[in-house]
Amino acid sequence: MNWTRIALAGAAAGVVTWIADFVLHGVVMGATYQRLGQVYSQTPANPAKFLAVSLAICITAALLFARSRGSWAAGWKGGLAFGFFLGLVIFFQRFYDPMVIDGYPYYLAWCQGGISMIDSLLAGAVFGAVIKS
C-alpha cells in the first residue's frame, strides 16, 4: 500500500467534504436549523473542529478504500461506487437521531442522510482518482 497516496487522498477528500458540508449545512439547510432551535440549542462549534473530524473520517475511509481497491473499478468511477456503499451505511445511521433526540424531525434525518450520501460520493470519487492500485 502506498501510505502517501492514502494520506493525500484522505486529506483531499476531507477538505472537499468539509467545504461541501459548509455549503449544504450552512447555506442550504441553515434556515431550517435556525427554525429548529428546540433541537439545536448548543453553542456553535469552531469550524476547525469540523475540518479535523472530516479529515479523520476521510483518512480512515481512504484506508478502507485502499485495502479493498481491487474490488472497485479503475479511476473515480470505482471510487464513486465505494462512496455509494459507504454513503448507504452513513445514511441509515442518520435515522438514529429522531429516535433519541426529543423533537428531532424525521424529515431532517432524510435531509442529513442525503447530505451524508453526497459527502460519501464526493470522497469516493477523490479516493478513486488519487489511489490508483
C-alpha atoms as a PDB file:
ATOM      1  CA  MET A   1       0.000   0.000   0.000  1.00  0.00           C
ATOM      2  CA  ASN A   2       1.127   3.491  -0.795  1.00  0.00           C
ATOM      3  CA  TRP A   3       0.677   5.338   2.517  1.00  0.00           C
ATOM      4  CA  THR A   4       1.450   8.704   0.959  1.00  0.00           C
ATOM      5  CA  ARG A   5      -1.382   8.322  -1.551  1.00  0.00           C
ATOM      6  CA  ILE A   6      -3.752   7.162   1.176  1.00  0.00           C
ATOM      7  CA  ALA A   7      -2.923  10.177   3.343  1.00  0.00           C
ATOM      8  CA  LEU A   8      -3.166  12.525   0.349  1.00  0.00           C
ATOM      9  CA  ALA A   9      -6.496  11.054  -0.763  1.00  0.00           C
ATOM     10  CA  GLY A  10      -7.879  11.219   2.771  1.00  0.00           C
ATOM     11  CA  ALA A  11      -6.738  14.802   3.266  1.00  0.00           C
ATOM     12  CA  ALA A  12      -8.078  15.928  -0.110  1.00  0.00           C
ATOM     13  CA  ALA A  13     -11.413  14.194   0.464  1.00  0.00           C
ATOM     14  CA  GLY A  14     -11.547  15.671   3.971  1.00  0.00           C
ATOM     15  CA  VAL A  15     -11.210  19.205   2.631  1.00  0.00           C
ATOM     16  CA  VAL A  16     -13.702  18.547  -0.190  1.00  0.00           C
ATOM     17  CA  THR A  17     -16.329  17.146   2.190  1.00  0.00           C
ATOM     18  CA  TRP A  18     -15.702  19.934   4.706  1.00  0.00           C
ATOM     19  CA  ILE A  19     -16.418  22.544   2.026  1.00  0.00           C
ATOM     20  CA  ALA A  20     -19.451  20.591   0.786  1.00  0.00           C
ATOM     21  CA  ASP A  21     -20.777  20.364   4.351  1.00  0.00           C
ATOM     22  CA  PHE A  22     -20.312  24.099   4.827  1.00  0.00           C
ATOM     23  CA  VAL A  23     -22.394  24.772   1.725  1.00  0.00           C
ATOM     24  CA  LEU A  24     -25.028  22.107   2.362  1.00  0.00           C
ATOM     25  CA  HIS A  25     -25.436  22.529   6.122  1.00  0.00           C
ATOM     26  CA  GLY A  26     -24.593  26.217   6.385  1.00  0.00           C
ATOM     27  CA  VAL A  27     -26.177  27.685   3.267  1.00  0.00           C
ATOM     28  CA  VAL A  28     -28.810  25.227   2.058  1.00  0.00           C
ATOM     29  CA  MET A  29     -30.027  23.942   5.446  1.00  0.00           C
ATOM     30  CA  GLY A  30     -29.064  26.955   7.596  1.00  0.00           C
ATOM     31  CA  ALA A  31     -32.555  28.461   7.810  1.00  0.00           C
ATOM     32  CA  THR A  32     -34.035  25.059   8.688  1.00  0.00           C
ATOM     33  CA  TYR A  33     -31.575  24.613  11.548  1.00  0.00           C
ATOM     34  CA  GLN A  34     -32.343  28.102  12.884  1.00  0.00           C
ATOM     35  CA  ARG A  35     -36.049  27.322  12.835  1.00  0.00           C
ATOM     36  CA  LEU A  36     -35.411  24.215  14.950  1.00  0.00           C
ATOM     37  CA  GLY A  37     -33.928  25.978  17.955  1.00  0.00           C
ATOM     38  CA  GLN A  38     -35.506  23.451  20.333  1.00  0.00           C
ATOM     39  CA  VAL A  39     -33.396  20.694  18.764  1.00  0.00           C
ATOM     40  CA  TYR A  40     -30.223  22.683  18.057  1.00  0.00           C
ATOM     41  CA  SER A  41     -29.739  24.523  21.325  1.00  0.00           C
ATOM     42  CA  GLN A  42     -25.991  24.025  21.752  1.00  0.00           C
ATOM     43  CA  THR A  43     -23.347  26.678  21.173  1.00  0.00           C
ATOM     44  CA  PRO A  44     -21.886  26.695  17.653  1.00  0.00           C
ATOM     45  CA  ALA A  45     -18.519  24.932  17.408  1.00  0.00           C
ATOM     46  CA  ASN A  46     -15.277  26.140  15.881  1.00  0.00           C
ATOM     47  CA  PRO A  47     -15.190  25.307  12.123  1.00  0.00           C
ATOM     48  CA  ALA A  48     -11.647  23.945  12.548  1.00  0.00           C
ATOM     49  CA  LYS A  49     -13.089  21.130  14.675  1.00  0.00           C
ATOM     50  CA  PHE A  50     -15.366  20.151  11.804  1.00  0.00           C
ATOM     51  CA  LEU A  51     -12.335  20.089   9.495  1.00  0.00           C
ATOM     52  CA  ALA A  52     -10.434  17.863  11.946  1.00  0.00           C
ATOM     53  CA  VAL A  53     -13.347  15.410  12.132  1.00  0.00           C
ATOM     54  CA  SER A  54     -13.762  15.422   8.359  1.00  0.00           C
ATOM     55  CA  LEU A  55     -10.053  14.695   7.891  1.00  0.00           C
ATOM     56  CA  ALA A  56     -10.104  11.860  10.432  1.00  0.00           C
ATOM     57  CA  ILE A  57     -13.156  10.229   8.842  1.00  0.00           C
ATOM     58  CA  CYS A  58     -11.836  10.592   5.297  1.00  0.00           C
ATOM     59  CA  ILE A  59      -8.354   9.291   6.093  1.00  0.00           C
ATOM     60  CA  THR A  60      -9.944   6.244   7.726  1.00  0.00           C
ATOM     61  CA  ALA A  61     -12.262   5.752   4.741  1.00  0.00           C
ATOM     62  CA  ALA A  62      -9.315   6.166   2.350  1.00  0.00           C
ATOM     63  CA  LEU A  63      -7.526   3.364   4.179  1.00  0.00           C
ATOM     64  CA  LEU A  64     -10.607   1.156   3.828  1.00  0.00           C
ATOM     65  CA  PHE A  65     -10.824   2.022   0.136  1.00  0.00           C
ATOM     66  CA  ALA A  66      -7.121   1.285  -0.410  1.00  0.00           C
ATOM     67  CA  ARG A  67      -7.430  -2.090   1.337  1.00  0.00           C
ATOM     68  CA  SER A  68     -10.341  -3.036  -0.937  1.00  0.00           C
ATOM     69  CA  ARG A  69      -9.064  -1.243  -4.070  1.00  0.00           C
ATOM     70  CA  GLY A  70      -9.070  -4.401  -6.182  1.00  0.00           C
ATOM     71  CA  SER A  71     -12.830  -4.758  -5.686  1.00  0.00           C
ATOM     72  CA  TRP A  72     -13.636  -1.444  -7.378  1.00  0.00           C
ATOM     73  CA  ALA A  73     -13.394  -0.259 -10.970  1.00  0.00           C
ATOM     74  CA  ALA A  74     -10.453   1.879 -12.007  1.00  0.00           C
ATOM     75  CA  GLY A  75     -10.443   5.630 -11.533  1.00  0.00           C
ATOM     76  CA  TRP A  76     -13.011   7.899  -9.992  1.00  0.00           C
ATOM     77  CA  LYS A  77     -15.906   5.672 -11.100  1.00  0.00           C
ATOM     78  CA  GLY A  78     -14.720   2.870  -8.856  1.00  0.00           C
ATOM     79  CA  GLY A  79     -14.330   5.359  -6.047  1.00  0.00           C
ATOM     80  CA  LEU A  80     -17.854   6.586  -6.702  1.00  0.00           C
ATOM     81  CA  ALA A  81     -19.160   3.022  -6.282  1.00  0.00           C
ATOM     82  CA  PHE A  82     -17.249   2.721  -2.998  1.00  0.00           C
ATOM     83  CA  GLY A  83     -18.651   6.084  -1.899  1.00  0.00           C
ATOM     84  CA  PHE A  84     -22.185   4.947  -2.670  1.00  0.00           C
ATOM     85  CA  PHE A  85     -21.951   1.892  -0.416  1.00  0.00           C
ATOM     86  CA  LEU A  86     -20.190   3.866   2.314  1.00  0.00           C
ATOM     87  CA  GLY A  87     -22.907   6.513   1.985  1.00  0.00           C
ATOM     88  CA  LEU A  88     -25.639   3.896   2.448  1.00  0.00           C
ATOM     89  CA  VAL A  89     -24.184   2.893   5.796  1.00  0.00           C
ATOM     90  CA  ILE A  90     -23.969   6.505   6.970  1.00  0.00           C
ATOM     91  CA  PHE A  91     -27.403   7.322   5.519  1.00  0.00           C
ATOM     92  CA  PHE A  92     -29.137   4.718   7.676  1.00  0.00           C
ATOM     93  CA  GLN A  93     -27.158   5.773  10.739  1.00  0.00           C
ATOM     94  CA  ARG A  94     -28.760   9.222  10.438  1.00  0.00           C
ATOM     95  CA  PHE A  95     -32.118   7.745  11.437  1.00  0.00           C
ATOM     96  CA  TYR A  96     -30.821   7.191  14.970  1.00  0.00           C
ATOM     97  CA  ASP A  97     -31.247  10.883  15.876  1.00  0.00           C
ATOM     98  CA  PRO A  98     -35.064  11.047  15.574  1.00  0.00           C
ATOM     99  CA  MET A  99     -35.323   8.059  17.898  1.00  0.00           C
ATOM    100  CA  VAL A 100     -33.223   9.529  20.726  1.00  0.00           C
ATOM    101  CA  ILE A 101     -33.474  13.336  20.468  1.00  0.00           C
ATOM    102  CA  ASP A 102     -36.775  14.751  21.649  1.00  0.00           C
ATOM    103  CA  GLY A 103     -38.358  16.927  18.979  1.00  0.00           C
ATOM    104  CA  TYR A 104     -35.962  15.886  16.220  1.00  0.00           C
ATOM    105  CA  PRO A 105     -37.956  15.951  12.956  1.00  0.00           C
ATOM    106  CA  TYR A 106     -37.955  12.735  10.967  1.00  0.00           C
ATOM    107  CA  TYR A 107     -37.638  14.599   7.650  1.00  0.00           C
ATOM    108  CA  LEU A 108     -34.383  16.094   8.885  1.00  0.00           C
ATOM    109  CA  ALA A 109     -32.896  12.592   9.081  1.00  0.00           C
ATOM    110  CA  TRP A 110     -33.674  12.230   5.364  1.00  0.00           C
ATOM    111  CA  CYS A 111     -32.033  15.595   4.629  1.00  0.00           C
ATOM    112  CA  GLN A 112     -28.917  14.779   6.629  1.00  0.00           C
ATOM    113  CA  GLY A 113     -28.790  11.278   5.187  1.00  0.00           C
ATOM    114  CA  GLY A 114     -28.841  12.793   1.707  1.00  0.00           C
ATOM    115  CA  ILE A 115     -26.053  15.199   2.640  1.00  0.00           C
ATOM    116  CA  SER A 116     -24.025  12.272   4.014  1.00  0.00           C
ATOM    117  CA  MET A 117     -24.570  10.398   0.744  1.00  0.00           C
ATOM    118  CA  ILE A 118     -23.316  13.412  -1.243  1.00  0.00           C
ATOM    119  CA  ASP A 119     -20.257  13.620   1.033  1.00  0.00           C
ATOM    120  CA  SER A 120     -19.517   9.920   0.596  1.00  0.00           C
ATOM    121  CA  LEU A 121     -19.851  10.099  -3.181  1.00  0.00           C
ATOM    122  CA  LEU A 122     -17.504  13.089  -3.324  1.00  0.00           C
ATOM    123  CA  ALA A 123     -14.975  11.407  -1.038  1.00  0.00           C
ATOM    124  CA  GLY A 124     -15.156   8.159  -3.006  1.00  0.00           C
ATOM    125  CA  ALA A 125     -14.542   9.969  -6.294  1.00  0.00           C
ATOM    126  CA  VAL A 126     -11.456  11.617  -4.769  1.00  0.00           C
ATOM    127  CA  PHE A 127     -10.234   8.267  -3.438  1.00  0.00           C
ATOM    128  CA  GLY A 128     -10.616   6.629  -6.841  1.00  0.00           C
ATOM    129  CA  ALA A 129      -8.803   9.463  -8.599  1.00  0.00           C
ATOM    130  CA  VAL A 130      -5.854   9.501  -6.172  1.00  0.00           C
ATOM    131  CA  ILE A 131      -5.435   5.852  -5.119  1.00  0.00           C
ATOM    132  CA  LYS A 132      -4.677   4.018  -8.337  1.00  0.00           C
ATOM    133  CA  SER A 133      -3.863   0.490  -7.134  1.00  0.00           C
END
